[in-house]
Amino acid sequence: MAPATPLASRLLKSWGDEAVVYDTASGDTHYLKPLTLALYQLCHDHPGYTSVDLAAALAARLEVANTPQFQESIEDTLASLRTIGLLKPA
């Protein structure tokens, strides 16, 4: 898994289980809903985790079943985080 990009050019502000990230270089602001923020934090804390590892860890944290649909949701969210530049490309 690609690690989270450094926040040197980004400002992260969280409220409970939600956050916004402001990219000082581009001026873009991104809203991170609870699942996305939790996944981003896991990527930051465990850069060596695969998407399967991330899905298992997040399912355990959220106390939900690690179903194929959940894993697909994690893959989609990872792709979104890469698209907006919060994760390095795989």
PDB file of N, CA and C in Angstrom:
ATOM      1  N   MET A   1       0.855  -1.176   0.000  1.00  0.00           N
ATOM      2  CA  MET A   1       0.000   0.000   0.000  1.00  0.00           C
ATOM      3  C   MET A   1       0.890   1.224   0.000  1.00  0.00           C
ATOM      4  N   ALA A   2       0.495   2.202  -0.752  1.00  0.00           N
ATOM      5  CA  ALA A   2       1.225   3.460  -0.781  1.00  0.00           C
ATOM      6  C   ALA A   2       0.916   4.254   0.474  1.00  0.00           C
ATOM      7  N   PRO A   3       1.937   4.876   1.041  1.00  0.00           N
ATOM      8  CA  PRO A   3       1.708   5.654   2.262  1.00  0.00           C
ATOM      9  C   PRO A   3       0.957   6.940   1.994  1.00  0.00           C
ATOM     10  N   ALA A   4       0.438   7.486   3.062  1.00  0.00           N
ATOM     11  CA  ALA A   4      -0.204   8.793   2.992  1.00  0.00           C
ATOM     12  C   ALA A   4       0.856   9.831   2.641  1.00  0.00           C
ATOM     13  N   THR A   5       0.468  10.810   1.867  1.00  0.00           N
ATOM     14  CA  THR A   5       1.415  11.857   1.524  1.00  0.00           C
ATOM     15  C   THR A   5       1.621  12.755   2.737  1.00  0.00           C
ATOM     16  N   PRO A   6       2.802  13.328   2.870  1.00  0.00           N
ATOM     17  CA  PRO A   6       3.042  14.220   4.013  1.00  0.00           C
ATOM     18  C   PRO A   6       2.082  15.401   3.987  1.00  0.00           C
ATOM     19  N   LEU A   7       1.759  15.895   5.153  1.00  0.00           N
ATOM     20  CA  LEU A   7       0.829  17.016   5.251  1.00  0.00           C
ATOM     21  C   LEU A   7       1.544  18.366   5.235  1.00  0.00           C
ATOM     22  N   ALA A   8       2.785  18.422   4.749  1.00  0.00           N
ATOM     23  CA  ALA A   8       3.535  19.671   4.750  1.00  0.00           C
ATOM     24  C   ALA A   8       2.789  20.774   4.001  1.00  0.00           C
ATOM     25  N   SER A   9       2.186  20.432   2.864  1.00  0.00           N
ATOM     26  CA  SER A   9       1.451  21.449   2.112  1.00  0.00           C
ATOM     27  C   SER A   9      -0.052  21.340   2.333  1.00  0.00           C
ATOM     28  N   ARG A  10      -0.435  20.573   3.349  1.00  0.00           N
ATOM     29  CA  ARG A  10      -1.855  20.382   3.639  1.00  0.00           C
ATOM     30  C   ARG A  10      -2.142  20.684   5.103  1.00  0.00           C
ATOM     31  N   LEU A  11      -3.303  21.267   5.331  1.00  0.00           N
ATOM     32  CA  LEU A  11      -3.750  21.531   6.691  1.00  0.00           C
ATOM     33  C   LEU A  11      -4.950  20.633   6.967  1.00  0.00           C
ATOM     34  N   LEU A  12      -4.867  19.842   8.016  1.00  0.00           N
ATOM     35  CA  LEU A  12      -5.940  18.929   8.386  1.00  0.00           C
ATOM     36  C   LEU A  12      -6.622  19.459   9.632  1.00  0.00           C
ATOM     37  N   LYS A  13      -7.934  19.603   9.553  1.00  0.00           N
ATOM     38  CA  LYS A  13      -8.717  20.048  10.701  1.00  0.00           C
ATOM     39  C   LYS A  13      -9.841  19.040  10.888  1.00  0.00           C
ATOM     40  N   SER A  14      -9.880  18.434  12.076  1.00  0.00           N
ATOM     41  CA  SER A  14     -10.918  17.427  12.305  1.00  0.00           C
ATOM     42  C   SER A  14     -11.859  17.865  13.413  1.00  0.00           C
ATOM     43  N   TRP A  15     -13.080  17.411  13.290  1.00  0.00           N
ATOM     44  CA  TRP A  15     -14.136  17.615  14.269  1.00  0.00           C
ATOM     45  C   TRP A  15     -14.737  16.244  14.524  1.00  0.00           C
ATOM     46  N   GLY A  16     -14.439  15.672  15.663  1.00  0.00           N
ATOM     47  CA  GLY A  16     -14.943  14.331  15.949  1.00  0.00           C
ATOM     48  C   GLY A  16     -14.394  13.333  14.953  1.00  0.00           C
ATOM     49  N   ASP A  17     -15.274  12.694  14.204  1.00  0.00           N
ATOM     50  CA  ASP A  17     -14.830  11.687  13.250  1.00  0.00           C
ATOM     51  C   ASP A  17     -14.890  12.169  11.802  1.00  0.00           C
ATOM     52  N   GLU A  18     -14.931  13.492  11.595  1.00  0.00           N
ATOM     53  CA  GLU A  18     -14.918  14.089  10.266  1.00  0.00           C
ATOM     54  C   GLU A  18     -13.768  15.089  10.187  1.00  0.00           C
ATOM     55  N   ALA A  19     -13.366  15.415   8.961  1.00  0.00           N
ATOM     56  CA  ALA A  19     -12.266  16.365   8.803  1.00  0.00           C
ATOM     57  C   ALA A  19     -12.347  17.041   7.450  1.00  0.00           C
ATOM     58  N   VAL A  20     -11.613  18.132   7.335  1.00  0.00           N
ATOM     59  CA  VAL A  20     -11.353  18.759   6.052  1.00  0.00           C
ATOM     60  C   VAL A  20      -9.841  18.885   5.906  1.00  0.00           C
ATOM     61  N   VAL A  21      -9.408  18.787   4.672  1.00  0.00           N
ATOM     62  CA  VAL A  21      -7.992  18.949   4.351  1.00  0.00           C
ATOM     63  C   VAL A  21      -7.903  20.083   3.347  1.00  0.00           C
ATOM     64  N   TYR A  22      -7.080  21.067   3.665  1.00  0.00           N
ATOM     65  CA  TYR A  22      -6.849  22.198   2.767  1.00  0.00           C
ATOM     66  C   TYR A  22      -5.456  22.047   2.192  1.00  0.00           C
ATOM     67  N   ASP A  23      -5.361  22.027   0.870  1.00  0.00           N
ATOM     68  CA  ASP A  23      -4.080  21.935   0.171  1.00  0.00           C
ATOM     69  C   ASP A  23      -3.604  23.356  -0.099  1.00  0.00           C
ATOM     70  N   THR A  24      -2.555  23.775   0.591  1.00  0.00           N
ATOM     71  CA  THR A  24      -2.073  25.154   0.459  1.00  0.00           C
ATOM     72  C   THR A  24      -1.476  25.422  -0.916  1.00  0.00           C
ATOM     73  N   ALA A  25      -0.990  24.383  -1.582  1.00  0.00           N
ATOM     74  CA  ALA A  25      -0.391  24.572  -2.906  1.00  0.00           C
ATOM     75  C   ALA A  25      -1.460  24.803  -3.975  1.00  0.00           C
ATOM     76  N   SER A  26      -2.530  24.025  -3.941  1.00  0.00           N
ATOM     77  CA  SER A  26      -3.550  24.129  -4.990  1.00  0.00           C
ATOM     78  C   SER A  26      -4.750  24.976  -4.591  1.00  0.00           C
ATOM     79  N   GLY A  27      -4.964  25.153  -3.282  1.00  0.00           N
ATOM     80  CA  GLY A  27      -6.140  25.854  -2.801  1.00  0.00           C
ATOM     81  C   GLY A  27      -7.363  24.966  -2.674  1.00  0.00           C
ATOM     82  N   ASP A  28      -7.204  23.679  -2.968  1.00  0.00           N
ATOM     83  CA  ASP A  28      -8.326  22.740  -2.875  1.00  0.00           C
ATOM     84  C   ASP A  28      -8.615  22.377  -1.425  1.00  0.00           C
ATOM     85  N   THR A  29      -9.897  22.205  -1.128  1.00  0.00           N
ATOM     86  CA  THR A  29     -10.338  21.750   0.181  1.00  0.00           C
ATOM     87  C   THR A  29     -11.119  20.462  -0.020  1.00  0.00           C
ATOM     88  N   HIS A  30     -10.823  19.455   0.791  1.00  0.00           N
ATOM     89  CA  HIS A  30     -11.476  18.158   0.676  1.00  0.00           C
ATOM     90  C   HIS A  30     -12.114  17.796   2.009  1.00  0.00           C
ATOM     91  N   TYR A  31     -13.370  17.390   1.942  1.00  0.00           N
ATOM     92  CA  TYR A  31     -14.095  16.902   3.113  1.00  0.00           C
ATOM     93  C   TYR A  31     -13.845  15.407   3.249  1.00  0.00           C
ATOM     94  N   LEU A  32     -13.468  14.974   4.445  1.00  0.00           N
ATOM     95  CA  LEU A  32     -13.267  13.554   4.709  1.00  0.00           C
ATOM     96  C   LEU A  32     -14.355  13.081   5.663  1.00  0.00           C
ATOM     97  N   LYS A  33     -15.273  12.279   5.133  1.00  0.00           N
ATOM     98  CA  LYS A  33     -16.326  11.726   5.976  1.00  0.00           C
ATOM     99  C   LYS A  33     -15.699  10.695   6.913  1.00  0.00           C
ATOM    100  N   PRO A  34     -16.423  10.233   7.906  1.00  0.00           N
ATOM    101  CA  PRO A  34     -15.834   9.371   8.931  1.00  0.00           C
ATOM    102  C   PRO A  34     -15.060   8.162   8.399  1.00  0.00           C
ATOM    103  N   LEU A  35     -15.632   7.420   7.463  1.00  0.00           N
ATOM    104  CA  LEU A  35     -14.935   6.253   6.927  1.00  0.00           C
ATOM    105  C   LEU A  35     -13.645   6.662   6.226  1.00  0.00           C
ATOM    106  N   THR A  36     -13.713   7.721   5.448  1.00  0.00           N
ATOM    107  CA  THR A  36     -12.545   8.188   4.709  1.00  0.00           C
ATOM    108  C   THR A  36     -11.451   8.670   5.654  1.00  0.00           C
ATOM    109  N   LEU A  37     -11.819   9.402   6.678  1.00  0.00           N
ATOM    110  CA  LEU A  37     -10.835   9.873   7.648  1.00  0.00           C
ATOM    111  C   LEU A  37     -10.199   8.706   8.384  1.00  0.00           C
ATOM    112  N   ALA A  38     -10.999   7.747   8.812  1.00  0.00           N
ATOM    113  CA  ALA A  38     -10.454   6.580   9.516  1.00  0.00           C
ATOM    114  C   ALA A  38      -9.494   5.807   8.617  1.00  0.00           C
ATOM    115  N   LEU A  39      -9.850   5.656   7.350  1.00  0.00           N
ATOM    116  CA  LEU A  39      -8.985   4.949   6.410  1.00  0.00           C
ATOM    117  C   LEU A  39      -7.702   5.738   6.167  1.00  0.00           C
ATOM    118  N   TYR A  40      -7.816   7.042   5.992  1.00  0.00           N
ATOM    119  CA  TYR A  40      -6.630   7.885   5.802  1.00  0.00           C
ATOM    120  C   TYR A  40      -5.687   7.768   7.005  1.00  0.00           C
ATOM    121  N   GLN A  41      -6.249   7.803   8.198  1.00  0.00           N
ATOM    122  CA  GLN A  41      -5.421   7.690   9.404  1.00  0.00           C
ATOM    123  C   GLN A  41      -4.733   6.327   9.477  1.00  0.00           C
ATOM    124  N   LEU A  42      -5.442   5.258   9.103  1.00  0.00           N
ATOM    125  CA  LEU A  42      -4.824   3.935   9.086  1.00  0.00           C
ATOM    126  C   LEU A  42      -3.670   3.885   8.093  1.00  0.00           C
ATOM    127  N   CYS A  43      -3.866   4.469   6.924  1.00  0.00           N
ATOM    128  CA  CYS A  43      -2.784   4.507   5.923  1.00  0.00           C
ATOM    129  C   CYS A  43      -1.578   5.274   6.453  1.00  0.00           C
ATOM    130  N   HIS A  44      -1.838   6.354   7.147  1.00  0.00           N
ATOM    131  CA  HIS A  44      -0.763   7.161   7.715  1.00  0.00           C
ATOM    132  C   HIS A  44      -0.033   6.392   8.823  1.00  0.00           C
ATOM    133  N   ASP A  45      -0.781   5.698   9.674  1.00  0.00           N
ATOM    134  CA  ASP A  45      -0.195   4.981  10.805  1.00  0.00           C
ATOM    135  C   ASP A  45       0.452   3.652  10.414  1.00  0.00           C
ATOM    136  N   HIS A  46      -0.021   3.047   9.313  1.00  0.00           N
ATOM    137  CA  HIS A  46       0.464   1.723   8.893  1.00  0.00           C
ATOM    138  C   HIS A  46       0.748   1.722   7.388  1.00  0.00           C
ATOM    139  N   PRO A  47       1.799   2.400   6.942  1.00  0.00           N
ATOM    140  CA  PRO A  47       2.056   2.532   5.505  1.00  0.00           C
ATOM    141  C   PRO A  47       2.318   1.206   4.797  1.00  0.00           C
ATOM    142  N   GLY A  48       2.661   0.165   5.508  1.00  0.00           N
ATOM    143  CA  GLY A  48       2.928  -1.124   4.880  1.00  0.00           C
ATOM    144  C   GLY A  48       1.705  -1.996   4.691  1.00  0.00           C
ATOM    145  N   TYR A  49       0.557  -1.559   5.189  1.00  0.00           N
ATOM    146  CA  TYR A  49      -0.661  -2.361   5.084  1.00  0.00           C
ATOM    147  C   TYR A  49      -1.139  -2.434   3.632  1.00  0.00           C
ATOM    148  N   THR A  50      -1.613  -3.605   3.251  1.00  0.00           N
ATOM    149  CA  THR A  50      -2.264  -3.772   1.957  1.00  0.00           C
ATOM    150  C   THR A  50      -3.719  -3.333   2.103  1.00  0.00           C
ATOM    151  N   SER A  51      -4.431  -3.274   0.994  1.00  0.00           N
ATOM    152  CA  SER A  51      -5.843  -2.906   1.076  1.00  0.00           C
ATOM    153  C   SER A  51      -6.628  -3.949   1.865  1.00  0.00           C
ATOM    154  N   VAL A  52      -6.218  -5.211   1.789  1.00  0.00           N
ATOM    155  CA  VAL A  52      -6.876  -6.270   2.569  1.00  0.00           C
ATOM    156  C   VAL A  52      -6.627  -6.042   4.058  1.00  0.00           C
ATOM    157  N   ASP A  53      -5.380  -5.699   4.410  1.00  0.00           N
ATOM    158  CA  ASP A  53      -5.051  -5.405   5.811  1.00  0.00           C
ATOM    159  C   ASP A  53      -5.854  -4.203   6.313  1.00  0.00           C
ATOM    160  N   LEU A  54      -5.935  -3.176   5.472  1.00  0.00           N
ATOM    161  CA  LEU A  54      -6.662  -1.968   5.856  1.00  0.00           C
ATOM    162  C   LEU A  54      -8.140  -2.262   6.080  1.00  0.00           C
ATOM    163  N   ALA A  55      -8.732  -3.050   5.181  1.00  0.00           N
ATOM    164  CA  ALA A  55     -10.155  -3.398   5.329  1.00  0.00           C
ATOM    165  C   ALA A  55     -10.386  -4.172   6.616  1.00  0.00           C
ATOM    166  N   ALA A  56      -9.508  -5.128   6.915  1.00  0.00           N
ATOM    167  CA  ALA A  56      -9.659  -5.926   8.138  1.00  0.00           C
ATOM    168  C   ALA A  56      -9.520  -5.055   9.383  1.00  0.00           C
ATOM    169  N   ALA A  57      -8.520  -4.181   9.393  1.00  0.00           N
ATOM    170  CA  ALA A  57      -8.296  -3.319  10.551  1.00  0.00           C
ATOM    171  C   ALA A  57      -9.450  -2.338  10.740  1.00  0.00           C
ATOM    172  N   LEU A  58      -9.941  -1.783   9.645  1.00  0.00           N
ATOM    173  CA  LEU A  58     -11.025  -0.819   9.735  1.00  0.00           C
ATOM    174  C   LEU A  58     -12.338  -1.492  10.134  1.00  0.00           C
ATOM    175  N   ALA A  59     -12.584  -2.685   9.611  1.00  0.00           N
ATOM    176  CA  ALA A  59     -13.788  -3.427   9.998  1.00  0.00           C
ATOM    177  C   ALA A  59     -13.764  -3.720  11.495  1.00  0.00           C
ATOM    178  N   ALA A  60     -12.601  -4.112  12.003  1.00  0.00           N
ATOM    179  CA  ALA A  60     -12.483  -4.383  13.439  1.00  0.00           C
ATOM    180  C   ALA A  60     -12.693  -3.105  14.249  1.00  0.00           C
ATOM    181  N   ARG A  61     -12.110  -1.997  13.793  1.00  0.00           N
ATOM    182  CA  ARG A  61     -12.244  -0.720  14.510  1.00  0.00           C
ATOM    183  C   ARG A  61     -13.696  -0.257  14.551  1.00  0.00           C
ATOM    184  N   LEU A  62     -14.401  -0.438  13.422  1.00  0.00           N
ATOM    185  CA  LEU A  62     -15.779   0.022  13.320  1.00  0.00           C
ATOM    186  C   LEU A  62     -16.794  -1.021  13.784  1.00  0.00           C
ATOM    187  N   GLU A  63     -16.287  -2.200  14.115  1.00  0.00           N
ATOM    188  CA  GLU A  63     -17.134  -3.315  14.555  1.00  0.00           C
ATOM    189  C   GLU A  63     -18.202  -3.645  13.519  1.00  0.00           C
ATOM    190  N   VAL A  64     -17.741  -3.787  12.263  1.00  0.00           N
ATOM    191  CA  VAL A  64     -18.615  -4.194  11.162  1.00  0.00           C
ATOM    192  C   VAL A  64     -18.009  -5.433  10.508  1.00  0.00           C
ATOM    193  N   ALA A  65     -18.823  -6.132   9.732  1.00  0.00           N
ATOM    194  CA  ALA A  65     -18.348  -7.322   9.036  1.00  0.00           C
ATOM    195  C   ALA A  65     -17.434  -6.916   7.876  1.00  0.00           C
ATOM    196  N   ASN A  66     -16.363  -7.653   7.711  1.00  0.00           N
ATOM    197  CA  ASN A  66     -15.413  -7.411   6.626  1.00  0.00           C
ATOM    198  C   ASN A  66     -15.875  -8.214   5.405  1.00  0.00           C
ATOM    199  N   THR A  67     -16.943  -7.758   4.802  1.00  0.00           N
ATOM    200  CA  THR A  67     -17.553  -8.440   3.667  1.00  0.00           C
ATOM    201  C   THR A  67     -16.878  -8.021   2.360  1.00  0.00           C
ATOM    202  N   PRO A  68     -17.142  -8.738   1.270  1.00  0.00           N
ATOM    203  CA  PRO A  68     -16.619  -8.290  -0.026  1.00  0.00           C
ATOM    204  C   PRO A  68     -17.093  -6.875  -0.389  1.00  0.00           C
ATOM    205  N   GLN A  69     -18.314  -6.526  -0.010  1.00  0.00           N
ATOM    206  CA  GLN A  69     -18.815  -5.173  -0.289  1.00  0.00           C
ATOM    207  C   GLN A  69     -18.031  -4.126   0.514  1.00  0.00           C
ATOM    208  N   PHE A  70     -17.695  -4.446   1.765  1.00  0.00           N
ATOM    209  CA  PHE A  70     -16.908  -3.528   2.582  1.00  0.00           C
ATOM    210  C   PHE A  70     -15.524  -3.362   1.968  1.00  0.00           C
ATOM    211  N   GLN A  71     -14.906  -4.464   1.547  1.00  0.00           N
ATOM    212  CA  GLN A  71     -13.584  -4.390   0.932  1.00  0.00           C
ATOM    213  C   GLN A  71     -13.622  -3.566  -0.356  1.00  0.00           C
ATOM    214  N   GLU A  72     -14.695  -3.715  -1.134  1.00  0.00           N
ATOM    215  CA  GLU A  72     -14.844  -2.921  -2.355  1.00  0.00           C
ATOM    216  C   GLU A  72     -14.977  -1.435  -2.016  1.00  0.00           C
ATOM    217  N   SER A  73     -15.710  -1.128  -0.953  1.00  0.00           N
ATOM    218  CA  SER A  73     -15.847   0.259  -0.504  1.00  0.00           C
ATOM    219  C   SER A  73     -14.489   0.834  -0.104  1.00  0.00           C
ATOM    220  N   ILE A  74     -13.677   0.018   0.556  1.00  0.00           N
ATOM    221  CA  ILE A  74     -12.337   0.454   0.956  1.00  0.00           C
ATOM    222  C   ILE A  74     -11.484   0.725  -0.278  1.00  0.00           C
ATOM    223  N   GLU A  75     -11.540  -0.171  -1.267  1.00  0.00           N
ATOM    224  CA  GLU A  75     -10.784   0.030  -2.514  1.00  0.00           C
ATOM    225  C   GLU A  75     -11.210   1.325  -3.204  1.00  0.00           C
ATOM    226  N   ASP A  76     -12.511   1.573  -3.271  1.00  0.00           N
ATOM    227  CA  ASP A  76     -13.023   2.799  -3.890  1.00  0.00           C
ATOM    228  C   ASP A  76     -12.549   4.039  -3.137  1.00  0.00           C
ATOM    229  N   THR A  77     -12.567   3.956  -1.819  1.00  0.00           N
ATOM    230  CA  THR A  77     -12.141   5.100  -1.001  1.00  0.00           C
ATOM    231  C   THR A  77     -10.647   5.343  -1.158  1.00  0.00           C
ATOM    232  N   LEU A  78      -9.859   4.273  -1.210  1.00  0.00           N
ATOM    233  CA  LEU A  78      -8.415   4.419  -1.442  1.00  0.00           C
ATOM    234  C   LEU A  78      -8.156   5.090  -2.793  1.00  0.00           C
ATOM    235  N   ALA A  79      -8.898   4.683  -3.813  1.00  0.00           N
ATOM    236  CA  ALA A  79      -8.740   5.286  -5.138  1.00  0.00           C
ATOM    237  C   ALA A  79      -9.070   6.780  -5.084  1.00  0.00           C
ATOM    238  N   SER A  80     -10.118   7.131  -4.349  1.00  0.00           N
ATOM    239  CA  SER A  80     -10.491   8.542  -4.213  1.00  0.00           C
ATOM    240  C   SER A  80      -9.398   9.334  -3.502  1.00  0.00           C
ATOM    241  N   LEU A  81      -8.830   8.752  -2.451  1.00  0.00           N
ATOM    242  CA  LEU A  81      -7.752   9.437  -1.727  1.00  0.00           C
ATOM    243  C   LEU A  81      -6.527   9.625  -2.615  1.00  0.00           C
ATOM    244  N   ARG A  82      -6.254   8.658  -3.487  1.00  0.00           N
ATOM    245  CA  ARG A  82      -5.141   8.820  -4.430  1.00  0.00           C
ATOM    246  C   ARG A  82      -5.457   9.924  -5.450  1.00  0.00           C
ATOM    247  N   THR A  83      -6.678   9.939  -5.925  1.00  0.00           N
ATOM    248  CA  THR A  83      -7.083  10.928  -6.932  1.00  0.00           C
ATOM    249  C   THR A  83      -6.922  12.348  -6.421  1.00  0.00           C
ATOM    250  N   ILE A  84      -7.273  12.590  -5.156  1.00  0.00           N
ATOM    251  CA  ILE A  84      -7.153  13.946  -4.617  1.00  0.00           C
ATOM    252  C   ILE A  84      -5.766  14.232  -4.040  1.00  0.00           C
ATOM    253  N   GLY A  85      -4.866  13.239  -4.127  1.00  0.00           N
ATOM    254  CA  GLY A  85      -3.476  13.455  -3.731  1.00  0.00           C
ATOM    255  C   GLY A  85      -3.165  13.230  -2.265  1.00  0.00           C
ATOM    256  N   LEU A  86      -4.094  12.639  -1.506  1.00  0.00           N
ATOM    257  CA  LEU A  86      -3.804  12.382  -0.085  1.00  0.00           C
ATOM    258  C   LEU A  86      -3.067  11.068   0.134  1.00  0.00           C
ATOM    259  N   LEU A  87      -3.074  10.197  -0.881  1.00  0.00           N
ATOM    260  CA  LEU A  87      -2.262   8.983  -0.857  1.00  0.00           C
ATOM    261  C   LEU A  87      -1.417   8.967  -2.100  1.00  0.00           C
ATOM    262  N   LYS A  88      -0.221   8.449  -1.957  1.00  0.00           N
ATOM    263  CA  LYS A  88       0.649   8.302  -3.130  1.00  0.00           C
ATOM    264  C   LYS A  88       0.099   7.181  -3.999  1.00  0.00           C
ATOM    265  N   PRO A  89       0.277   7.299  -5.301  1.00  0.00           N
ATOM    266  CA  PRO A  89      -0.201   6.227  -6.189  1.00  0.00           C
ATOM    267  C   PRO A  89       0.436   4.887  -5.834  1.00  0.00           C
ATOM    268  N   ALA A  90      -0.329   3.824  -6.009  1.00  0.00           N
ATOM    269  CA  ALA A  90       0.156   2.467  -5.687  1.00  0.00           C
ATOM    270  C   ALA A  90       1.215   2.029  -6.667  1.00  0.00           C
TER     271      ALA A  90
END
